[in-house]
Amino acid sequence: MRHVYDRIKQFEAEVLTVSPDSPDSLRKYKVKTETPFPMLSDEKGEVILQYGVKNDWTPYKRGIPHPSIYIIDRAGMVRFVEVRQNYFFRVKMSTILDELKNICVTD
């Protein structure tokens, strides 16, 4: 996601990640990886549950989410959703950019 962040910003879009990791862990990760976008700590798994992406099959008991992409427009409408059951198969960045382009064209 970091490598296409500038292209995402061209669509006047923002990236927000949600993680069960602590705020301190996320701060360290953000500095180490030079992540340019916000990272939300969801230690209690509340956001993960609200979006219905909690991975119940994980051996960890702390609310690990399935890899998910939500594109939400300015009006708060969900315009694109992709939830992957397998951590190793992520949504292609080209798919995300295409969806953002389609939203910009139709709005």
C-alpha atoms as a PDB file:
ATOM      1  CA  MET A   1       0.000   0.000   0.000  1.00  0.00           C
ATOM      2  CA  ARG A   2       2.882   2.370   0.784  1.00  0.00           C
ATOM      3  CA  HIS A   3       4.231   2.130  -2.744  1.00  0.00           C
ATOM      4  CA  VAL A   4       0.962   3.346  -4.333  1.00  0.00           C
ATOM      5  CA  TYR A   5      -0.024   5.835  -1.643  1.00  0.00           C
ATOM      6  CA  ASP A   6       0.805   8.867  -3.806  1.00  0.00           C
ATOM      7  CA  ARG A   7      -1.405   7.491  -6.578  1.00  0.00           C
ATOM      8  CA  ILE A   8      -4.234   6.892  -4.099  1.00  0.00           C
ATOM      9  CA  LYS A   9      -3.922  10.502  -2.888  1.00  0.00           C
ATOM     10  CA  GLN A  10      -4.350  11.690  -6.507  1.00  0.00           C
ATOM     11  CA  PHE A  11      -7.950  10.458  -6.229  1.00  0.00           C
ATOM     12  CA  GLU A  12      -8.350  12.610  -3.092  1.00  0.00           C
ATOM     13  CA  ALA A  13      -8.607   9.361  -1.137  1.00  0.00           C
ATOM     14  CA  GLU A  14      -7.082   8.388   2.192  1.00  0.00           C
ATOM     15  CA  VAL A  15      -5.812   5.074   3.517  1.00  0.00           C
ATOM     16  CA  LEU A  16      -6.507   3.980   7.077  1.00  0.00           C
ATOM     17  CA  THR A  17      -5.341   0.668   8.464  1.00  0.00           C
ATOM     18  CA  VAL A  18      -6.953  -1.047  11.438  1.00  0.00           C
ATOM     19  CA  SER A  19      -4.820  -3.375  13.529  1.00  0.00           C
ATOM     20  CA  PRO A  20      -5.205  -5.277  16.803  1.00  0.00           C
ATOM     21  CA  ASP A  21      -1.694  -4.116  17.742  1.00  0.00           C
ATOM     22  CA  SER A  22      -1.090  -1.569  20.495  1.00  0.00           C
ATOM     23  CA  PRO A  23      -0.646   2.130  19.688  1.00  0.00           C
ATOM     24  CA  ASP A  24       3.011   1.871  20.733  1.00  0.00           C
ATOM     25  CA  SER A  25       3.627  -1.085  18.401  1.00  0.00           C
ATOM     26  CA  LEU A  26       1.978   0.757  15.535  1.00  0.00           C
ATOM     27  CA  ARG A  27       4.018   3.922  16.186  1.00  0.00           C
ATOM     28  CA  LYS A  28       7.249   1.913  16.075  1.00  0.00           C
ATOM     29  CA  TYR A  29       6.159   0.074  12.926  1.00  0.00           C
ATOM     30  CA  LYS A  30       5.123   3.321  11.253  1.00  0.00           C
ATOM     31  CA  VAL A  31       8.534   4.895  11.929  1.00  0.00           C
ATOM     32  CA  LYS A  32      10.475   1.776  10.940  1.00  0.00           C
ATOM     33  CA  THR A  33       8.606   1.315   7.652  1.00  0.00           C
ATOM     34  CA  GLU A  34       8.017   5.026   6.921  1.00  0.00           C
ATOM     35  CA  THR A  35       4.303   4.364   6.557  1.00  0.00           C
ATOM     36  CA  PRO A  36       2.680   7.623   5.380  1.00  0.00           C
ATOM     37  CA  PHE A  37      -0.943   6.882   6.286  1.00  0.00           C
ATOM     38  CA  PRO A  38      -2.836   6.641   9.598  1.00  0.00           C
ATOM     39  CA  MET A  39      -2.868   3.370  11.504  1.00  0.00           C
ATOM     40  CA  LEU A  40      -5.671   2.751  14.012  1.00  0.00           C
ATOM     41  CA  SER A  41      -5.075   0.544  17.031  1.00  0.00           C
ATOM     42  CA  ASP A  42      -8.088  -1.685  17.697  1.00  0.00           C
ATOM     43  CA  GLU A  43      -6.785  -3.722  20.632  1.00  0.00           C
ATOM     44  CA  LYS A  44     -10.279  -4.672  21.795  1.00  0.00           C
ATOM     45  CA  GLY A  45     -11.340  -5.688  18.280  1.00  0.00           C
ATOM     46  CA  GLU A  46     -14.361  -3.387  18.232  1.00  0.00           C
ATOM     47  CA  VAL A  47     -13.850  -2.047  14.706  1.00  0.00           C
ATOM     48  CA  ILE A  48     -12.887  -5.496  13.443  1.00  0.00           C
ATOM     49  CA  LEU A  49     -16.165  -6.878  14.813  1.00  0.00           C
ATOM     50  CA  GLN A  50     -18.242  -3.976  13.460  1.00  0.00           C
ATOM     51  CA  TYR A  51     -16.924  -4.603   9.968  1.00  0.00           C
ATOM     52  CA  GLY A  52     -17.412  -8.353  10.331  1.00  0.00           C
ATOM     53  CA  VAL A  53     -13.847  -9.284   9.452  1.00  0.00           C
ATOM     54  CA  LYS A  54     -12.687 -11.061  12.619  1.00  0.00           C
ATOM     55  CA  ASN A  55     -10.784 -14.223  11.806  1.00  0.00           C
ATOM     56  CA  ASP A  56     -12.221 -16.836  14.181  1.00  0.00           C
ATOM     57  CA  TRP A  57      -9.845 -19.504  12.885  1.00  0.00           C
ATOM     58  CA  THR A  58      -6.648 -17.789  13.942  1.00  0.00           C
ATOM     59  CA  PRO A  59      -4.707 -19.402  16.804  1.00  0.00           C
ATOM     60  CA  TYR A  60      -4.389 -15.930  18.351  1.00  0.00           C
ATOM     61  CA  LYS A  61      -7.213 -14.873  20.639  1.00  0.00           C
ATOM     62  CA  ARG A  62      -6.872 -11.126  20.199  1.00  0.00           C
ATOM     63  CA  GLY A  63      -9.105 -10.438  17.219  1.00  0.00           C
ATOM     64  CA  ILE A  64      -6.891 -10.801  14.185  1.00  0.00           C
ATOM     65  CA  PRO A  65      -8.862  -9.565  11.154  1.00  0.00           C
ATOM     66  CA  HIS A  66      -9.101 -11.075   7.710  1.00  0.00           C
ATOM     67  CA  PRO A  67      -7.228  -8.933   5.180  1.00  0.00           C
ATOM     68  CA  SER A  68      -9.878  -6.500   3.988  1.00  0.00           C
ATOM     69  CA  ILE A  69     -10.273  -3.463   1.779  1.00  0.00           C
ATOM     70  CA  TYR A  70     -13.189  -1.065   2.135  1.00  0.00           C
ATOM     71  CA  ILE A  71     -13.581   1.973  -0.078  1.00  0.00           C
ATOM     72  CA  ILE A  72     -15.975   4.427   1.525  1.00  0.00           C
ATOM     73  CA  ASP A  73     -16.962   7.619  -0.260  1.00  0.00           C
ATOM     74  CA  ARG A  74     -17.336  11.074   1.261  1.00  0.00           C
ATOM     75  CA  ALA A  75     -21.035  10.475   1.919  1.00  0.00           C
ATOM     76  CA  GLY A  76     -20.149   7.416   4.005  1.00  0.00           C
ATOM     77  CA  MET A  77     -21.391   4.927   1.403  1.00  0.00           C
ATOM     78  CA  VAL A  78     -19.397   1.725   1.056  1.00  0.00           C
ATOM     79  CA  ARG A  79     -18.479   1.569  -2.629  1.00  0.00           C
ATOM     80  CA  PHE A  80     -16.160  -1.451  -2.653  1.00  0.00           C
ATOM     81  CA  VAL A  81     -15.505  -4.359  -0.299  1.00  0.00           C
ATOM     82  CA  GLU A  82     -13.052  -7.206  -0.575  1.00  0.00           C
ATOM     83  CA  VAL A  83     -12.477  -9.564   2.356  1.00  0.00           C
ATOM     84  CA  ARG A  84      -9.928 -12.310   1.894  1.00  0.00           C
ATOM     85  CA  GLN A  85      -9.991 -15.496   3.927  1.00  0.00           C
ATOM     86  CA  ASN A  86      -6.385 -16.321   3.075  1.00  0.00           C
ATOM     87  CA  TYR A  87      -3.777 -13.913   4.406  1.00  0.00           C
ATOM     88  CA  PHE A  88      -1.394 -14.704   1.543  1.00  0.00           C
ATOM     89  CA  PHE A  89      -3.756 -13.615  -1.238  1.00  0.00           C
ATOM     90  CA  ARG A  90      -4.265  -9.869  -0.976  1.00  0.00           C
ATOM     91  CA  VAL A  91      -6.282  -7.552  -3.163  1.00  0.00           C
ATOM     92  CA  LYS A  92      -4.136  -6.278  -6.018  1.00  0.00           C
ATOM     93  CA  MET A  93      -3.246  -2.604  -5.835  1.00  0.00           C
ATOM     94  CA  SER A  94      -4.324  -2.252  -9.464  1.00  0.00           C
ATOM     95  CA  THR A  95      -7.833  -3.361  -8.425  1.00  0.00           C
ATOM     96  CA  ILE A  96      -7.964  -0.705  -5.706  1.00  0.00           C
ATOM     97  CA  LEU A  97      -6.746   2.007  -8.079  1.00  0.00           C
ATOM     98  CA  ASP A  98      -9.283   0.930 -10.722  1.00  0.00           C
ATOM     99  CA  GLU A  99     -12.102   1.107  -8.169  1.00  0.00           C
ATOM    100  CA  LEU A 100     -11.020   4.577  -7.059  1.00  0.00           C
ATOM    101  CA  LYS A 101     -10.916   5.683 -10.686  1.00  0.00           C
ATOM    102  CA  ASN A 102     -14.429   4.313 -11.283  1.00  0.00           C
ATOM    103  CA  ILE A 103     -15.754   6.146  -8.228  1.00  0.00           C
ATOM    104  CA  CYS A 104     -14.199   9.418  -9.395  1.00  0.00           C
ATOM    105  CA  VAL A 105     -15.717   9.006 -12.862  1.00  0.00           C
ATOM    106  CA  THR A 106     -19.228   8.285 -11.552  1.00  0.00           C
ATOM    107  CA  ASP A 107     -19.273  11.037  -8.897  1.00  0.00           C
END
